[in-house]
Amino acid sequence: MFLIKIEYNYADKSEFRGREITMNHVNRAKELFEQKYHCSQAVLAAFADELGITEKQALKIGGCFGGGMCKGEVCGACTGALMVLGLKYGQCEIDDLDSRLKTNDVTVRFLELFRNENGSYLCKELLGCDLATQEGKVYAREHNLFFEFCPAMVASAVKIVEQLIK
């Protein structure tokens, strides 16, 4: 195990500044994904400590979003990333419209950056199969997509989140 000191430079002096963590976010997310957690769980849990939730809570929250919510819709790595951004910037006070606007902006920016980097943010388009069907699930398994393709989507989502929260 190794220590990496990550120094974030946030204008809002958020809780991320100067945190020492045992792994960087990309490595932790990939490790969780390799342990067979959903992509959504892996991305959210990689940031859990900095967001004020436990890894266990993050894994539970992200549990229903893998594989595009099991329907091949928005990639689970993206939904996990959007949960991170929501916990960081999301509106929680009814009169705080600035947070709502910030969240809307960062959501659109994340999805645009992810699509530009990967060609889509829809699971079925990324994988080239529809996980909502038995044939799609078989295709994904036979072509090792969960082991060879999806880890790159997890890493991409994490890197884009890191870019947006800097």
N, C-alpha and C. Protein backbone atom coordinates (compact mmCIF):
# COMPACT_ATOMS: atom_id res chain seq x y z
N MET A 1 0.85 -1.17 0.00
CA MET A 1 0.00 0.00 0.00
C MET A 1 0.90 1.23 0.00
N PHE A 2 0.46 2.28 -0.66
CA PHE A 2 1.24 3.49 -0.74
C PHE A 2 0.35 4.68 -0.44
N LEU A 3 0.98 5.76 -0.03
CA LEU A 3 0.24 6.99 0.25
C LEU A 3 0.49 8.00 -0.84
N ILE A 4 -0.57 8.63 -1.26
CA ILE A 4 -0.48 9.72 -2.22
C ILE A 4 -1.14 10.91 -1.57
N LYS A 5 -0.43 12.01 -1.51
CA LYS A 5 -1.06 13.21 -0.99
C LYS A 5 -1.59 13.98 -2.20
N ILE A 6 -2.90 14.16 -2.22
CA ILE A 6 -3.54 14.87 -3.32
C ILE A 6 -3.84 16.28 -2.85
N GLU A 7 -3.37 17.24 -3.58
CA GLU A 7 -3.60 18.65 -3.25
C GLU A 7 -4.53 19.23 -4.29
N TYR A 8 -5.75 19.47 -3.89
CA TYR A 8 -6.72 20.09 -4.77
C TYR A 8 -6.71 21.58 -4.50
N ASN A 9 -6.95 22.35 -5.52
CA ASN A 9 -6.96 23.79 -5.37
C ASN A 9 -8.36 24.31 -5.65
N TYR A 10 -9.20 24.30 -4.64
CA TYR A 10 -10.57 24.76 -4.78
C TYR A 10 -10.71 26.17 -4.24
N ALA A 11 -11.43 26.98 -4.96
CA ALA A 11 -11.71 28.33 -4.49
C ALA A 11 -12.58 28.30 -3.23
N ASP A 12 -13.44 27.29 -3.12
CA ASP A 12 -14.35 27.22 -1.98
C ASP A 12 -13.72 26.54 -0.76
N LYS A 13 -12.44 26.23 -0.84
CA LYS A 13 -11.71 25.59 0.26
C LYS A 13 -12.47 24.38 0.80
N SER A 14 -12.88 23.54 -0.11
CA SER A 14 -13.69 22.38 0.25
C SER A 14 -12.91 21.39 1.08
N GLU A 15 -13.63 20.38 1.51
CA GLU A 15 -13.06 19.34 2.34
C GLU A 15 -12.05 18.48 1.59
N PHE A 16 -11.92 18.64 0.26
CA PHE A 16 -10.96 17.84 -0.50
C PHE A 16 -9.52 18.30 -0.27
N ARG A 17 -9.28 19.54 0.06
CA ARG A 17 -7.94 20.11 0.11
C ARG A 17 -7.02 19.33 1.04
N GLY A 18 -5.92 18.91 0.48
CA GLY A 18 -4.85 18.33 1.27
C GLY A 18 -5.15 16.99 1.90
N ARG A 19 -6.18 16.30 1.49
CA ARG A 19 -6.51 15.00 2.09
C ARG A 19 -5.44 14.00 1.68
N GLU A 20 -5.00 13.22 2.61
CA GLU A 20 -4.14 12.10 2.28
C GLU A 20 -5.02 10.88 2.15
N ILE A 21 -4.86 10.18 1.07
CA ILE A 21 -5.64 8.97 0.88
C ILE A 21 -4.68 7.85 0.50
N THR A 22 -5.11 6.62 0.70
CA THR A 22 -4.22 5.50 0.47
C THR A 22 -4.07 5.16 -1.00
N MET A 23 -4.98 5.58 -1.84
CA MET A 23 -4.90 5.35 -3.28
C MET A 23 -5.53 6.54 -3.97
N ASN A 24 -5.18 6.75 -5.20
CA ASN A 24 -5.89 7.80 -5.91
C ASN A 24 -7.25 7.28 -6.33
N HIS A 25 -8.11 8.20 -6.74
CA HIS A 25 -9.49 7.85 -7.06
C HIS A 25 -9.61 6.83 -8.19
N VAL A 26 -8.81 6.99 -9.23
CA VAL A 26 -8.88 6.07 -10.36
C VAL A 26 -8.52 4.65 -9.92
N ASN A 27 -7.43 4.52 -9.19
CA ASN A 27 -7.01 3.18 -8.75
C ASN A 27 -8.04 2.56 -7.83
N ARG A 28 -8.61 3.35 -6.92
CA ARG A 28 -9.60 2.80 -6.00
C ARG A 28 -10.86 2.37 -6.76
N ALA A 29 -11.31 3.20 -7.69
CA ALA A 29 -12.51 2.85 -8.46
C ALA A 29 -12.27 1.57 -9.27
N LYS A 30 -11.12 1.47 -9.90
CA LYS A 30 -10.82 0.27 -10.69
C LYS A 30 -10.71 -0.96 -9.79
N GLU A 31 -10.14 -0.79 -8.62
CA GLU A 31 -10.03 -1.90 -7.67
C GLU A 31 -11.42 -2.39 -7.25
N LEU A 32 -12.30 -1.46 -6.92
CA LEU A 32 -13.67 -1.84 -6.54
C LEU A 32 -14.40 -2.51 -7.69
N PHE A 33 -14.21 -1.99 -8.89
CA PHE A 33 -14.85 -2.61 -10.06
C PHE A 33 -14.33 -4.02 -10.28
N GLU A 34 -13.03 -4.21 -10.12
CA GLU A 34 -12.44 -5.54 -10.28
C GLU A 34 -12.95 -6.52 -9.22
N GLN A 35 -13.39 -5.99 -8.08
CA GLN A 35 -13.97 -6.83 -7.03
C GLN A 35 -15.43 -7.19 -7.34
N LYS A 36 -15.91 -6.75 -8.48
CA LYS A 36 -17.24 -7.07 -9.00
C LYS A 36 -18.34 -6.14 -8.49
N TYR A 37 -17.96 -4.96 -7.99
CA TYR A 37 -18.98 -3.94 -7.74
C TYR A 37 -19.37 -3.33 -9.07
N HIS A 38 -20.57 -2.80 -9.15
CA HIS A 38 -21.00 -2.11 -10.37
C HIS A 38 -20.12 -0.88 -10.61
N CYS A 39 -20.07 -0.46 -11.86
CA CYS A 39 -19.30 0.72 -12.23
C CYS A 39 -19.77 1.95 -11.44
N SER A 40 -21.07 2.09 -11.27
CA SER A 40 -21.62 3.22 -10.52
C SER A 40 -21.15 3.20 -9.07
N GLN A 41 -21.14 2.04 -8.48
CA GLN A 41 -20.69 1.90 -7.10
C GLN A 41 -19.20 2.24 -6.98
N ALA A 42 -18.42 1.74 -7.91
CA ALA A 42 -16.98 1.94 -7.86
C ALA A 42 -16.61 3.41 -7.96
N VAL A 43 -17.25 4.13 -8.86
CA VAL A 43 -16.94 5.56 -9.03
C VAL A 43 -17.35 6.34 -7.79
N LEU A 44 -18.57 6.16 -7.32
CA LEU A 44 -19.02 6.91 -6.15
C LEU A 44 -18.20 6.56 -4.92
N ALA A 45 -17.95 5.29 -4.69
CA ALA A 45 -17.21 4.88 -3.49
C ALA A 45 -15.78 5.38 -3.48
N ALA A 46 -15.20 5.58 -4.64
CA ALA A 46 -13.82 6.08 -4.70
C ALA A 46 -13.70 7.48 -4.10
N PHE A 47 -14.79 8.22 -4.06
CA PHE A 47 -14.80 9.58 -3.52
C PHE A 47 -15.51 9.68 -2.17
N ALA A 48 -15.98 8.56 -1.64
CA ALA A 48 -16.86 8.58 -0.47
C ALA A 48 -16.30 9.37 0.70
N ASP A 49 -15.08 9.10 1.06
CA ASP A 49 -14.51 9.73 2.24
C ASP A 49 -14.52 11.25 2.14
N GLU A 50 -14.15 11.76 0.98
CA GLU A 50 -14.11 13.21 0.79
C GLU A 50 -15.50 13.84 0.76
N LEU A 51 -16.50 13.03 0.48
CA LEU A 51 -17.87 13.54 0.37
C LEU A 51 -18.66 13.42 1.67
N GLY A 52 -18.03 12.88 2.70
CA GLY A 52 -18.69 12.79 4.00
C GLY A 52 -19.62 11.60 4.15
N ILE A 53 -19.44 10.58 3.30
CA ILE A 53 -20.21 9.35 3.45
C ILE A 53 -19.23 8.20 3.56
N THR A 54 -19.70 7.10 4.09
CA THR A 54 -18.82 5.93 4.19
C THR A 54 -18.79 5.21 2.85
N GLU A 55 -17.77 4.41 2.67
CA GLU A 55 -17.69 3.60 1.46
C GLU A 55 -18.89 2.66 1.38
N LYS A 56 -19.30 2.10 2.51
CA LYS A 56 -20.46 1.21 2.54
C LYS A 56 -21.71 1.94 2.06
N GLN A 57 -21.91 3.18 2.53
CA GLN A 57 -23.07 3.97 2.08
C GLN A 57 -22.99 4.22 0.58
N ALA A 58 -21.82 4.56 0.10
CA ALA A 58 -21.65 4.82 -1.34
C ALA A 58 -21.96 3.58 -2.16
N LEU A 59 -21.50 2.43 -1.68
CA LEU A 59 -21.77 1.19 -2.40
C LEU A 59 -23.26 0.88 -2.44
N LYS A 60 -23.95 1.16 -1.36
CA LYS A 60 -25.40 0.93 -1.33
C LYS A 60 -26.13 1.92 -2.24
N ILE A 61 -25.76 3.20 -2.17
CA ILE A 61 -26.42 4.22 -2.98
C ILE A 61 -26.24 3.92 -4.47
N GLY A 62 -25.04 3.53 -4.85
CA GLY A 62 -24.74 3.28 -6.26
C GLY A 62 -25.19 1.93 -6.78
N GLY A 63 -25.79 1.12 -5.92
CA GLY A 63 -26.08 -0.26 -6.26
C GLY A 63 -27.07 -0.51 -7.38
N CYS A 64 -27.93 0.42 -7.68
CA CYS A 64 -28.98 0.19 -8.69
C CYS A 64 -28.68 0.84 -10.03
N PHE A 65 -27.46 1.31 -10.24
CA PHE A 65 -27.18 2.11 -11.43
C PHE A 65 -26.20 1.47 -12.40
N GLY A 66 -25.66 0.30 -12.08
CA GLY A 66 -24.72 -0.36 -12.96
C GLY A 66 -25.39 -0.83 -14.24
N GLY A 67 -24.60 -0.91 -15.30
CA GLY A 67 -25.12 -1.37 -16.59
C GLY A 67 -26.23 -0.49 -17.12
N GLY A 68 -26.11 0.80 -16.86
CA GLY A 68 -27.16 1.72 -17.32
C GLY A 68 -28.49 1.40 -16.67
N MET A 69 -28.44 1.17 -15.34
CA MET A 69 -29.62 0.80 -14.55
C MET A 69 -30.19 -0.53 -15.04
N CYS A 70 -29.26 -1.42 -15.44
CA CYS A 70 -29.60 -2.76 -15.95
C CYS A 70 -30.43 -2.70 -17.22
N LYS A 71 -30.46 -1.53 -17.87
CA LYS A 71 -31.25 -1.35 -19.09
C LYS A 71 -30.42 -0.79 -20.23
N GLY A 72 -29.11 -0.65 -20.02
CA GLY A 72 -28.26 -0.13 -21.08
C GLY A 72 -28.43 1.37 -21.31
N GLU A 73 -29.00 2.05 -20.35
CA GLU A 73 -29.21 3.51 -20.49
C GLU A 73 -27.93 4.25 -20.12
N VAL A 74 -28.00 5.34 -19.38
CA VAL A 74 -26.80 6.10 -19.05
C VAL A 74 -25.81 5.19 -18.32
N CYS A 75 -24.59 5.17 -18.83
CA CYS A 75 -23.51 4.35 -18.27
C CYS A 75 -23.43 4.52 -16.76
N GLY A 76 -23.31 3.41 -16.05
CA GLY A 76 -23.21 3.46 -14.60
C GLY A 76 -22.03 4.25 -14.09
N ALA A 77 -20.92 4.22 -14.81
CA ALA A 77 -19.78 5.04 -14.40
C ALA A 77 -20.16 6.52 -14.41
N CYS A 78 -20.99 6.90 -15.38
CA CYS A 78 -21.47 8.29 -15.44
C CYS A 78 -22.42 8.60 -14.30
N THR A 79 -23.33 7.68 -14.00
CA THR A 79 -24.26 7.97 -12.91
C THR A 79 -23.53 8.04 -11.58
N GLY A 80 -22.53 7.19 -11.39
CA GLY A 80 -21.71 7.29 -10.18
C GLY A 80 -21.00 8.63 -10.10
N ALA A 81 -20.47 9.06 -11.23
CA ALA A 81 -19.79 10.36 -11.28
C ALA A 81 -20.76 11.50 -11.00
N LEU A 82 -21.95 11.41 -11.55
CA LEU A 82 -22.94 12.46 -11.31
C LEU A 82 -23.38 12.49 -9.85
N MET A 83 -23.40 11.33 -9.20
CA MET A 83 -23.68 11.31 -7.76
C MET A 83 -22.58 12.02 -6.98
N VAL A 84 -21.34 11.82 -7.37
CA VAL A 84 -20.22 12.53 -6.73
C VAL A 84 -20.42 14.03 -6.89
N LEU A 85 -20.70 14.46 -8.11
CA LEU A 85 -20.87 15.89 -8.37
C LEU A 85 -22.10 16.44 -7.65
N GLY A 86 -23.15 15.65 -7.55
CA GLY A 86 -24.33 16.08 -6.81
C GLY A 86 -24.05 16.25 -5.33
N LEU A 87 -23.30 15.33 -4.76
CA LEU A 87 -22.94 15.46 -3.35
C LEU A 87 -22.01 16.65 -3.11
N LYS A 88 -21.21 16.96 -4.10
CA LYS A 88 -20.29 18.09 -3.97
C LYS A 88 -21.00 19.43 -4.16
N TYR A 89 -21.86 19.53 -5.17
CA TYR A 89 -22.42 20.83 -5.55
C TYR A 89 -23.94 20.93 -5.41
N GLY A 90 -24.62 19.83 -5.18
CA GLY A 90 -26.07 19.79 -5.27
C GLY A 90 -26.83 20.72 -4.34
N GLN A 91 -27.99 21.09 -4.81
CA GLN A 91 -28.89 21.96 -4.05
C GLN A 91 -29.52 21.18 -2.91
N CYS A 92 -29.48 21.74 -1.70
CA CYS A 92 -30.16 21.11 -0.58
C CYS A 92 -31.02 22.11 0.21
N GLU A 93 -30.93 23.36 -0.15
CA GLU A 93 -31.76 24.40 0.44
C GLU A 93 -32.66 24.95 -0.65
N ILE A 94 -33.95 25.08 -0.37
CA ILE A 94 -34.93 25.48 -1.37
C ILE A 94 -34.59 26.82 -2.04
N ASP A 95 -34.01 27.74 -1.29
CA ASP A 95 -33.71 29.06 -1.84
C ASP A 95 -32.34 29.15 -2.50
N ASP A 96 -31.58 28.07 -2.49
CA ASP A 96 -30.22 28.10 -3.03
C ASP A 96 -30.23 27.76 -4.52
N LEU A 97 -30.65 28.71 -5.31
CA LEU A 97 -30.72 28.50 -6.75
C LEU A 97 -29.34 28.48 -7.40
N ASP A 98 -28.35 29.11 -6.76
CA ASP A 98 -26.99 29.06 -7.29
C ASP A 98 -26.48 27.62 -7.34
N SER A 99 -26.76 26.85 -6.30
CA SER A 99 -26.34 25.45 -6.29
C SER A 99 -27.06 24.66 -7.38
N ARG A 100 -28.33 24.96 -7.59
CA ARG A 100 -29.07 24.26 -8.65
C ARG A 100 -28.44 24.56 -10.00
N LEU A 101 -28.13 25.83 -10.25
CA LEU A 101 -27.52 26.20 -11.53
C LEU A 101 -26.14 25.57 -11.67
N LYS A 102 -25.36 25.56 -10.60
CA LYS A 102 -24.03 24.96 -10.63
C LYS A 102 -24.14 23.46 -10.93
N THR A 103 -25.09 22.79 -10.28
CA THR A 103 -25.26 21.37 -10.49
C THR A 103 -25.69 21.08 -11.92
N ASN A 104 -26.63 21.85 -12.43
CA ASN A 104 -27.06 21.67 -13.82
C ASN A 104 -25.88 21.85 -14.78
N ASP A 105 -25.08 22.89 -14.54
CA ASP A 105 -23.93 23.18 -15.39
C ASP A 105 -22.91 22.04 -15.35
N VAL A 106 -22.57 21.59 -14.16
CA VAL A 106 -21.55 20.56 -14.03
C VAL A 106 -22.05 19.22 -14.60
N THR A 107 -23.36 18.97 -14.52
CA THR A 107 -23.93 17.76 -15.10
C THR A 107 -23.77 17.77 -16.62
N VAL A 108 -24.16 18.86 -17.23
CA VAL A 108 -24.06 18.98 -18.69
C VAL A 108 -22.60 18.90 -19.12
N ARG A 109 -21.72 19.59 -18.40
CA ARG A 109 -20.30 19.57 -18.74
C ARG A 109 -19.72 18.17 -18.62
N PHE A 110 -20.07 17.46 -17.53
CA PHE A 110 -19.57 16.10 -17.37
C PHE A 110 -19.99 15.23 -18.55
N LEU A 111 -21.28 15.23 -18.86
CA LEU A 111 -21.79 14.37 -19.93
C LEU A 111 -21.18 14.72 -21.28
N GLU A 112 -20.98 16.00 -21.54
CA GLU A 112 -20.34 16.40 -22.80
C GLU A 112 -18.90 15.93 -22.86
N LEU A 113 -18.16 16.09 -21.77
CA LEU A 113 -16.76 15.65 -21.75
C LEU A 113 -16.66 14.14 -21.89
N PHE A 114 -17.54 13.42 -21.20
CA PHE A 114 -17.52 11.96 -21.29
C PHE A 114 -17.86 11.51 -22.71
N ARG A 115 -18.88 12.10 -23.31
CA ARG A 115 -19.25 11.74 -24.68
C ARG A 115 -18.12 12.07 -25.65
N ASN A 116 -17.50 13.23 -25.49
CA ASN A 116 -16.40 13.61 -26.38
C ASN A 116 -15.24 12.64 -26.27
N GLU A 117 -14.97 12.16 -25.08
CA GLU A 117 -13.85 11.25 -24.86
C GLU A 117 -14.16 9.81 -25.29
N ASN A 118 -15.42 9.39 -25.13
CA ASN A 118 -15.76 7.97 -25.31
C ASN A 118 -16.77 7.69 -26.42
N GLY A 119 -17.33 8.72 -27.03
CA GLY A 119 -18.26 8.53 -28.13
C GLY A 119 -19.73 8.54 -27.73
N SER A 120 -20.02 8.30 -26.48
CA SER A 120 -21.39 8.27 -25.98
C SER A 120 -21.33 8.23 -24.46
N TYR A 121 -22.45 8.45 -23.82
CA TYR A 121 -22.57 8.18 -22.40
C TYR A 121 -23.69 7.17 -22.14
N LEU A 122 -24.19 6.56 -23.21
CA LEU A 122 -25.21 5.52 -23.10
C LEU A 122 -24.53 4.16 -23.11
N CYS A 123 -24.83 3.36 -22.13
CA CYS A 123 -24.21 2.05 -21.96
C CYS A 123 -24.35 1.19 -23.22
N LYS A 124 -25.55 1.10 -23.76
CA LYS A 124 -25.75 0.21 -24.93
C LYS A 124 -24.96 0.68 -26.14
N GLU A 125 -24.74 1.98 -26.27
CA GLU A 125 -23.93 2.48 -27.39
C GLU A 125 -22.45 2.24 -27.12
N LEU A 126 -22.02 2.42 -25.89
CA LEU A 126 -20.62 2.19 -25.54
C LEU A 126 -20.25 0.72 -25.72
N LEU A 127 -21.11 -0.17 -25.23
CA LEU A 127 -20.82 -1.60 -25.27
C LEU A 127 -21.12 -2.24 -26.62
N GLY A 128 -21.99 -1.63 -27.39
CA GLY A 128 -22.41 -2.22 -28.65
C GLY A 128 -23.38 -3.37 -28.46
N CYS A 129 -24.03 -3.41 -27.32
CA CYS A 129 -25.05 -4.42 -27.04
C CYS A 129 -26.00 -3.86 -26.00
N ASP A 130 -27.17 -4.47 -25.88
CA ASP A 130 -28.21 -3.99 -24.98
C ASP A 130 -28.30 -4.92 -23.77
N LEU A 131 -27.85 -4.44 -22.63
CA LEU A 131 -27.86 -5.26 -21.42
C LEU A 131 -29.26 -5.53 -20.88
N ALA A 132 -30.25 -4.90 -21.48
CA ALA A 132 -31.64 -5.16 -21.08
C ALA A 132 -32.13 -6.48 -21.66
N THR A 133 -31.36 -7.06 -22.58
CA THR A 133 -31.75 -8.33 -23.19
C THR A 133 -30.78 -9.43 -22.78
N GLN A 134 -31.26 -10.65 -22.81
CA GLN A 134 -30.40 -11.79 -22.51
C GLN A 134 -29.28 -11.90 -23.55
N GLU A 135 -29.61 -11.63 -24.81
CA GLU A 135 -28.60 -11.69 -25.87
C GLU A 135 -27.49 -10.67 -25.62
N GLY A 136 -27.87 -9.49 -25.19
CA GLY A 136 -26.89 -8.44 -24.90
C GLY A 136 -25.98 -8.82 -23.74
N LYS A 137 -26.55 -9.40 -22.70
CA LYS A 137 -25.74 -9.85 -21.55
C LYS A 137 -24.76 -10.94 -21.98
N VAL A 138 -25.23 -11.88 -22.80
CA VAL A 138 -24.35 -12.95 -23.28
C VAL A 138 -23.23 -12.35 -24.14
N TYR A 139 -23.58 -11.45 -25.03
CA TYR A 139 -22.59 -10.81 -25.89
C TYR A 139 -21.52 -10.11 -25.05
N ALA A 140 -21.96 -9.36 -24.05
CA ALA A 140 -21.01 -8.62 -23.19
C ALA A 140 -20.07 -9.58 -22.47
N ARG A 141 -20.61 -10.68 -21.97
CA ARG A 141 -19.77 -11.66 -21.28
C ARG A 141 -18.81 -12.36 -22.24
N GLU A 142 -19.33 -12.78 -23.40
CA GLU A 142 -18.49 -13.50 -24.37
C GLU A 142 -17.36 -12.63 -24.91
N HIS A 143 -17.59 -11.33 -24.96
CA HIS A 143 -16.57 -10.42 -25.47
C HIS A 143 -15.78 -9.73 -24.35
N ASN A 144 -15.92 -10.23 -23.14
CA ASN A 144 -15.18 -9.72 -21.97
C ASN A 144 -15.30 -8.21 -21.79
N LEU A 145 -16.44 -7.65 -22.16
CA LEU A 145 -16.60 -6.20 -22.08
C LEU A 145 -16.51 -5.68 -20.65
N PHE A 146 -17.03 -6.45 -19.70
CA PHE A 146 -17.00 -6.00 -18.31
C PHE A 146 -15.58 -5.98 -17.75
N PHE A 147 -14.69 -6.79 -18.31
CA PHE A 147 -13.32 -6.87 -17.82
C PHE A 147 -12.33 -6.08 -18.67
N GLU A 148 -12.63 -5.93 -19.95
CA GLU A 148 -11.68 -5.28 -20.85
C GLU A 148 -12.10 -3.88 -21.26
N PHE A 149 -13.39 -3.60 -21.34
CA PHE A 149 -13.87 -2.30 -21.80
C PHE A 149 -14.32 -1.40 -20.64
N CYS A 150 -15.13 -1.94 -19.77
CA CYS A 150 -15.74 -1.13 -18.71
C CYS A 150 -14.74 -0.48 -17.75
N PRO A 151 -13.63 -1.12 -17.40
CA PRO A 151 -12.68 -0.43 -16.52
C PRO A 151 -12.18 0.90 -17.11
N ALA A 152 -12.08 0.98 -18.42
CA ALA A 152 -11.67 2.25 -19.04
C ALA A 152 -12.76 3.31 -18.88
N MET A 153 -14.02 2.90 -18.87
CA MET A 153 -15.12 3.85 -18.67
C MET A 153 -15.14 4.35 -17.23
N VAL A 154 -14.84 3.45 -16.30
CA VAL A 154 -14.73 3.83 -14.88
C VAL A 154 -13.62 4.85 -14.71
N ALA A 155 -12.46 4.56 -15.26
CA ALA A 155 -11.32 5.48 -15.15
C ALA A 155 -11.63 6.82 -15.81
N SER A 156 -12.25 6.79 -16.96
CA SER A 156 -12.60 8.02 -17.67
C SER A 156 -13.53 8.89 -16.83
N ALA A 157 -14.56 8.28 -16.26
CA ALA A 157 -15.53 9.03 -15.45
C ALA A 157 -14.85 9.67 -14.25
N VAL A 158 -13.98 8.92 -13.58
CA VAL A 158 -13.28 9.45 -12.41
C VAL A 158 -12.37 10.62 -12.80
N LYS A 159 -11.63 10.46 -13.88
CA LYS A 159 -10.72 11.53 -14.30
C LYS A 159 -11.49 12.81 -14.66
N ILE A 160 -12.63 12.66 -15.29
CA ILE A 160 -13.44 13.83 -15.64
C ILE A 160 -13.99 14.50 -14.38
N VAL A 161 -14.43 13.71 -13.41
CA VAL A 161 -14.88 14.29 -12.13
C VAL A 161 -13.75 15.07 -11.49
N GLU A 162 -12.57 14.46 -11.44
CA GLU A 162 -11.43 15.16 -10.85
C GLU A 162 -11.15 16.49 -11.56
N GLN A 163 -11.26 16.46 -12.87
CA GLN A 163 -11.05 17.68 -13.65
C GLN A 163 -12.09 18.75 -13.29
N LEU A 164 -13.34 18.34 -13.15
CA LEU A 164 -14.41 19.29 -12.88
C LEU A 164 -14.40 19.85 -11.46
N ILE A 165 -13.88 19.08 -10.51
CA ILE A 165 -13.88 19.57 -9.13
C ILE A 165 -12.62 20.35 -8.78
N LYS A 166 -11.69 20.42 -9.72
CA LYS A 166 -10.47 21.21 -9.48
C LYS A 166 -10.79 22.68 -9.57
